[in-house]
Protein backbone atom coordinates (compact mmCIF):
# COMPACT_ATOMS: atom_id res chain seq x y z
CA UNK A 1 0.00 0.00 0.00
CA UNK A 2 2.82 2.42 0.83
CA UNK A 3 4.51 1.66 -2.49
CA UNK A 4 1.20 2.21 -4.29
CA UNK A 5 0.85 5.63 -2.65
CA UNK A 6 4.33 6.71 -3.75
CA UNK A 7 3.63 5.78 -7.36
CA UNK A 8 0.17 7.37 -7.23
CA UNK A 9 1.81 10.63 -6.15
CA UNK A 10 4.15 10.45 -9.15
CA UNK A 11 1.18 9.71 -11.41
CA UNK A 12 -0.57 12.84 -10.05
CA UNK A 13 2.55 14.87 -10.75
CA UNK A 14 2.59 13.84 -14.41
CA UNK A 15 -1.17 14.38 -14.83
CA UNK A 16 -0.98 17.86 -13.33
CA UNK A 17 1.97 18.71 -15.57
CA UNK A 18 0.13 17.42 -18.66
CA UNK A 19 -2.99 19.43 -17.79
CA UNK A 20 -1.15 22.66 -18.56
CA UNK A 21 -1.43 21.83 -22.28
CA UNK A 22 -4.04 19.04 -22.56
CA UNK A 23 -7.75 19.09 -21.58
CA UNK A 24 -8.88 16.83 -18.73
CA UNK A 25 -11.14 14.78 -21.01
CA UNK A 26 -8.28 13.99 -23.37
CA UNK A 27 -5.99 13.10 -20.45
CA UNK A 28 -8.55 10.57 -19.21
CA UNK A 29 -8.84 9.02 -22.69
CA UNK A 30 -5.08 8.66 -23.18
CA UNK A 31 -4.53 7.48 -19.61
CA UNK A 32 -7.37 4.96 -19.83
CA UNK A 33 -6.22 3.67 -23.22
CA UNK A 34 -2.63 3.16 -22.07
CA UNK A 35 -3.63 1.39 -18.86
CA UNK A 36 -6.15 -0.82 -20.67
CA UNK A 37 -3.58 -2.00 -23.23
CA UNK A 38 -1.05 -2.70 -20.47
CA UNK A 39 -3.42 -4.87 -18.44
CA UNK A 40 -4.78 -6.65 -21.53
CA UNK A 41 -1.23 -7.75 -22.40
CA UNK A 42 -0.64 -9.02 -18.85
CA UNK A 43 -4.01 -10.80 -18.81
CA UNK A 44 -3.30 -12.57 -22.12
CA UNK A 45 0.15 -13.62 -20.89
CA UNK A 46 -1.59 -15.35 -17.96
CA UNK A 47 -4.00 -17.07 -20.38
CA UNK A 48 -6.97 -15.38 -18.72
CA UNK A 49 -10.17 -14.18 -20.33
CA UNK A 50 -10.45 -10.49 -21.09
CA UNK A 51 -14.27 -10.56 -20.88
CA UNK A 52 -15.14 -12.62 -17.81
CA UNK A 53 -18.80 -13.43 -16.98
CA UNK A 54 -18.29 -11.92 -13.51
CA UNK A 55 -17.82 -8.51 -15.13
CA UNK A 56 -21.59 -8.07 -14.89
CA UNK A 57 -21.70 -8.77 -11.15
CA UNK A 58 -22.90 -6.06 -8.77
CA UNK A 59 -19.51 -5.43 -7.10
CA UNK A 60 -17.86 -4.84 -10.49
CA UNK A 61 -20.62 -2.52 -11.67
CA UNK A 62 -20.37 -0.54 -8.42
CA UNK A 63 -16.60 -0.51 -8.79
CA UNK A 64 -16.84 0.89 -12.32
CA UNK A 65 -19.17 3.70 -11.23
CA UNK A 66 -16.96 4.59 -8.28
CA UNK A 67 -13.87 4.45 -10.50
CA UNK A 68 -15.40 7.02 -12.84
CA UNK A 69 -16.35 9.34 -9.98
CA UNK A 70 -12.98 8.99 -8.27
CA UNK A 71 -10.77 9.38 -11.34
CA UNK A 72 -12.73 12.19 -12.96
CA UNK A 73 -13.21 14.29 -9.85
CA UNK A 74 -9.70 13.89 -8.50
CA UNK A 75 -8.18 14.66 -11.91
CA UNK A 76 -10.22 17.87 -11.95
CA UNK A 77 -9.08 18.59 -8.40
CA UNK A 78 -5.34 18.30 -9.09
CA UNK A 79 -5.65 20.37 -12.28
CA UNK A 80 -7.68 23.17 -10.67
CA UNK A 81 -6.19 23.26 -7.16
CA UNK A 82 -2.72 22.77 -5.62
CA UNK A 83 -1.55 19.16 -5.64
CA UNK A 84 -0.67 19.31 -1.94
CA UNK A 85 -4.16 20.40 -0.79
CA UNK A 86 -6.01 18.01 -3.13
CA UNK A 87 -3.85 15.12 -1.93
CA UNK A 88 -4.40 16.15 1.69
CA UNK A 89 -8.18 15.98 1.23
CA UNK A 90 -7.78 12.60 -0.46
CA UNK A 91 -6.32 11.28 2.79
CA UNK A 92 -9.88 11.03 4.08
CA UNK A 93 -10.26 7.96 1.83
CA UNK A 94 -9.04 5.50 4.51
CA UNK A 95 -11.50 6.99 6.99
CA UNK A 96 -14.37 6.40 4.59
CA UNK A 97 -13.08 2.90 3.75
CA UNK A 98 -12.88 1.91 7.43
CA UNK A 99 -16.44 3.16 7.91
CA UNK A 100 -17.54 1.18 4.87
CA UNK A 101 -15.73 -1.94 6.09
CA UNK A 102 -17.62 -1.70 9.38
CA UNK A 103 -20.97 -1.18 7.65
CA UNK A 104 -20.71 -3.56 4.67
CA UNK A 105 -18.17 -6.19 5.77
CA UNK A 106 -19.06 -6.15 9.49
CA UNK A 107 -15.44 -5.57 10.49
CA UNK A 108 -15.21 -4.47 14.09
CA UNK A 109 -14.48 -0.77 14.64
CA UNK A 110 -14.49 0.33 18.30
CA UNK A 111 -15.55 3.71 19.63
CA UNK A 112 -11.95 4.95 19.80
CA UNK A 113 -11.45 4.40 16.08
CA UNK A 114 -14.82 6.01 15.37
CA UNK A 115 -13.58 9.00 17.34
CA UNK A 116 -10.35 9.01 15.31
CA UNK A 117 -12.42 8.99 12.13
CA UNK A 118 -14.41 11.99 13.37
CA UNK A 119 -11.24 13.89 14.25
CA UNK A 120 -9.84 13.05 10.83
CA UNK A 121 -12.89 14.58 9.17
CA UNK A 122 -12.31 17.73 11.22
CA UNK A 123 -8.85 17.86 9.66
CA UNK A 124 -10.45 17.67 6.20
CA UNK A 125 -12.72 20.60 7.08
CA UNK A 126 -9.68 22.59 8.14
CA UNK A 127 -8.19 22.09 4.68
CA UNK A 128 -11.47 22.84 2.92
CA UNK A 129 -12.24 25.81 5.26
CA UNK A 130 -15.90 26.14 4.14
CA UNK A 131 -17.32 29.62 4.73
CA UNK A 132 -13.86 31.10 5.17
CA UNK A 133 -11.98 33.48 2.89
CA UNK A 134 -9.61 30.81 1.59
CA UNK A 135 -12.38 28.40 0.54
CA UNK A 136 -11.99 27.16 -3.05
CA UNK A 137 -15.12 25.53 -4.50
CA UNK A 138 -12.94 23.47 -6.86
CA UNK A 139 -11.56 21.65 -3.81
CA UNK A 140 -14.95 19.91 -3.54
CA UNK A 141 -13.86 17.84 -6.54
CA UNK A 142 -11.25 16.29 -4.23
CA UNK A 143 -14.01 15.42 -1.75
CA UNK A 144 -16.06 13.72 -4.48
CA UNK A 145 -12.93 11.94 -5.70
CA UNK A 146 -12.33 10.69 -2.16
CA UNK A 147 -15.81 9.19 -1.96
CA UNK A 148 -15.36 7.57 -5.37
CA UNK A 149 -12.02 5.98 -4.53
CA UNK A 150 -13.33 4.70 -1.18
CA UNK A 151 -16.25 3.06 -2.95
CA UNK A 152 -13.90 1.54 -5.51
CA UNK A 153 -11.69 0.05 -2.80
CA UNK A 154 -14.63 -1.46 -0.96
CA UNK A 155 -16.06 -2.89 -4.19
CA UNK A 156 -12.63 -4.37 -4.98
CA UNK A 157 -12.79 -6.20 -1.70
CA UNK A 158 -16.23 -7.58 -2.56
CA UNK A 159 -15.31 -8.59 -6.13
CA UNK A 160 -15.29 -12.28 -7.01
CA UNK A 161 -12.00 -14.07 -6.40
CA UNK A 162 -12.40 -15.52 -9.90
CA UNK A 163 -11.39 -12.13 -11.29
CA UNK A 164 -7.65 -11.58 -11.26
CA UNK A 165 -5.95 -8.28 -10.44
CA UNK A 166 -5.08 -7.98 -14.13
CA UNK A 167 -8.70 -8.32 -15.21
CA UNK A 168 -9.81 -5.73 -12.65
CA UNK A 169 -7.13 -3.43 -14.05
CA UNK A 170 -8.58 -3.76 -17.56
CA UNK A 171 -12.08 -2.83 -16.46
CA UNK A 172 -10.89 0.00 -14.23
CA UNK A 173 -8.84 1.70 -16.93
CA UNK A 174 -11.18 0.98 -19.86
CA UNK A 175 -14.08 2.87 -18.29
CA UNK A 176 -11.94 6.03 -18.34
CA UNK A 177 -12.03 6.09 -22.16
CA UNK A 178 -15.81 6.67 -22.58
CA UNK A 179 -15.73 8.94 -19.54
CA UNK A 180 -13.07 11.08 -21.21
CA UNK A 181 -15.00 11.14 -24.48
CA UNK A 182 -18.07 12.47 -22.66
CA UNK A 183 -15.96 15.12 -20.93
CA UNK A 184 -14.06 16.30 -24.03
CA UNK A 185 -16.70 18.82 -25.21
CA UNK A 186 -16.82 20.33 -21.71
CA UNK A 187 -13.07 20.55 -21.11
CA UNK A 188 -11.78 22.18 -24.29
CA UNK A 189 -12.00 19.59 -27.08
CA UNK A 190 -9.04 17.66 -28.49
CA UNK A 191 -5.48 19.02 -28.61
CA UNK A 192 -2.68 17.29 -30.49
CA UNK A 193 -0.07 16.38 -27.81
CA UNK A 194 3.43 17.77 -28.27
CA UNK A 195 6.58 15.89 -27.27
CA UNK A 196 6.58 17.16 -23.69
CA UNK A 197 2.91 16.45 -22.97
CA UNK A 198 3.27 13.00 -24.57
CA UNK A 199 6.08 12.18 -22.15
CA UNK A 200 3.94 13.41 -19.26
CA UNK A 201 1.08 11.12 -20.30
CA UNK A 202 3.44 8.16 -20.71
CA UNK A 203 4.85 8.83 -17.26
CA UNK A 204 1.34 9.01 -15.77
CA UNK A 205 0.39 5.72 -17.44
CA UNK A 206 3.56 3.92 -16.32
CA UNK A 207 3.29 4.94 -12.68
CA UNK A 208 -0.50 4.69 -12.74
CA UNK A 209 -0.61 1.02 -13.74
CA UNK A 210 2.04 0.13 -11.16
CA UNK A 211 0.13 1.99 -8.46
CA UNK A 212 -3.21 0.53 -9.52
CA UNK A 213 -1.93 -3.03 -9.43
CA UNK A 214 -0.23 -2.54 -6.04
CA UNK A 215 -3.40 -1.02 -4.57
CA UNK A 216 -5.55 -3.89 -5.85
CA UNK A 217 -3.21 -6.47 -4.33
CA UNK A 218 -3.21 -4.64 -0.99
CA UNK A 219 -7.01 -4.36 -0.83
CA UNK A 220 -7.62 -7.99 -1.79
CA UNK A 221 -5.04 -9.65 0.48
CA UNK A 222 -5.11 -7.60 3.69
CA UNK A 223 -7.81 -6.76 6.23
CA UNK A 224 -9.31 -3.48 5.01
CA UNK A 225 -9.17 -1.69 8.36
CA UNK A 226 -5.49 -2.66 8.79
CA UNK A 227 -4.21 -1.96 5.27
CA UNK A 228 -5.95 1.33 4.51
CA UNK A 229 -4.18 3.55 7.11
CA UNK A 230 -0.98 3.13 5.10
CA UNK A 231 -2.63 5.28 2.43
CA UNK A 232 -1.68 8.31 4.50
CA UNK A 233 1.87 7.98 3.20
CA UNK A 234 0.61 9.47 -0.07
CA UNK A 235 0.33 12.86 1.62
CA UNK A 236 4.03 12.92 2.43
CA UNK A 237 4.98 12.17 -1.17
CA UNK A 238 2.47 14.71 -2.52
CA UNK A 239 3.69 17.49 -0.23
CA UNK A 240 7.29 16.92 -1.29
CA UNK A 241 6.37 16.89 -5.00
CA UNK A 242 4.09 19.92 -4.64
CA UNK A 243 6.78 22.00 -2.95
CA UNK A 244 9.73 20.93 -5.10
CA UNK A 245 8.11 20.51 -8.54
CA UNK A 246 5.23 23.00 -8.50
CA UNK A 247 6.61 25.51 -5.97
CA UNK A 248 3.51 25.21 -3.79
CA UNK A 249 3.48 26.71 -0.32
CA UNK A 250 0.84 25.01 1.86
CA UNK A 251 -0.38 27.36 4.60
CA UNK A 252 -0.51 26.56 8.30
CA UNK A 253 -4.18 25.55 8.24
CA UNK A 254 -3.58 23.05 5.43
CA UNK A 255 -0.56 21.58 7.20
CA UNK A 256 -2.38 21.43 10.54
CA UNK A 257 -5.37 19.69 8.97
CA UNK A 258 -3.04 17.26 7.20
CA UNK A 259 -1.30 16.39 10.47
CA UNK A 260 -4.63 15.78 12.19
CA UNK A 261 -5.67 13.40 9.39
CA UNK A 262 -2.35 11.55 9.52
CA UNK A 263 -2.36 11.19 13.31
CA UNK A 264 -5.95 9.95 13.18
CA UNK A 265 -4.87 7.31 10.67
CA UNK A 266 -1.86 6.25 12.73
CA UNK A 267 -4.01 5.92 15.84
CA UNK A 268 -6.59 3.88 13.91
CA UNK A 269 -3.80 1.61 12.67
CA UNK A 270 -2.43 1.07 16.17
CA UNK A 271 -5.88 0.28 17.57
CA UNK A 272 -6.48 -2.22 14.77
CA UNK A 273 -3.12 -3.90 15.33
CA UNK A 274 -3.73 -4.19 19.07
CA UNK A 275 -7.09 -5.86 18.48
CA UNK A 276 -5.58 -8.27 15.94
CA UNK A 277 -2.84 -9.25 18.41
CA UNK A 278 -5.39 -9.79 21.21
CA UNK A 279 -7.51 -12.00 18.95
CA UNK A 280 -4.51 -14.15 18.03
CA UNK A 281 -3.53 -14.55 21.69
CA UNK A 282 -7.10 -15.45 22.58
CA UNK A 283 -7.40 -18.20 19.97
CA UNK A 284 -3.88 -19.54 20.61
């Protein structure tokens, strides 16, 4: 999960850089096309079916919808707002996933972790600062992206074990192509990519498929409430990239909110680990 977050941060960097010359709709099309081809090749090498009957199952359909919401909204967020603040808001994803795991998968979440989740959401509000002078309405795209990605992760957990990580990768990336086509008229039409923007897209695809595969493996092999807190590492990578590459200067409220979210995640992780250890001792 930590490795996935590092490569996701690099993917965001390339997407944000490409957005200076390419419309968001076109970025989604190119990104989706590249990722789809990559996972099709890997799927064929494993002698697996590209179109599996389970593709029409409810978890996959939910996953596709959430993928569209997450990818589209977060791409808009990182193109319209600073990478550091958009990534900070995205750190609420583990909080939503833990809540979803408790509700849909009946995983135990005690009152202390519920309190940590609540405190984490307060940190998100500090970054958003609704009603304050620094509020940016475009930052709400990051909130919608957070909800989409959380839904995708939960649906990944519920997906049939008959579907491999490679097959899930195909479906996740392919849906970005029609989504981008729908968005093209609203985001500036088509622009022929120059050499620099082409390299940015290739970089986004390369790191995106690595990140996507790593995330899928993490969500399907580990307990959701244990694995997801490691997603907070993405904030560290995003802050470094935002400051060094894009010369961003996060203010004190953004940094304070980010720290609150991270500490909430760390506490949730520790509580989950302690409960896992106690259960093992009990049954042994």
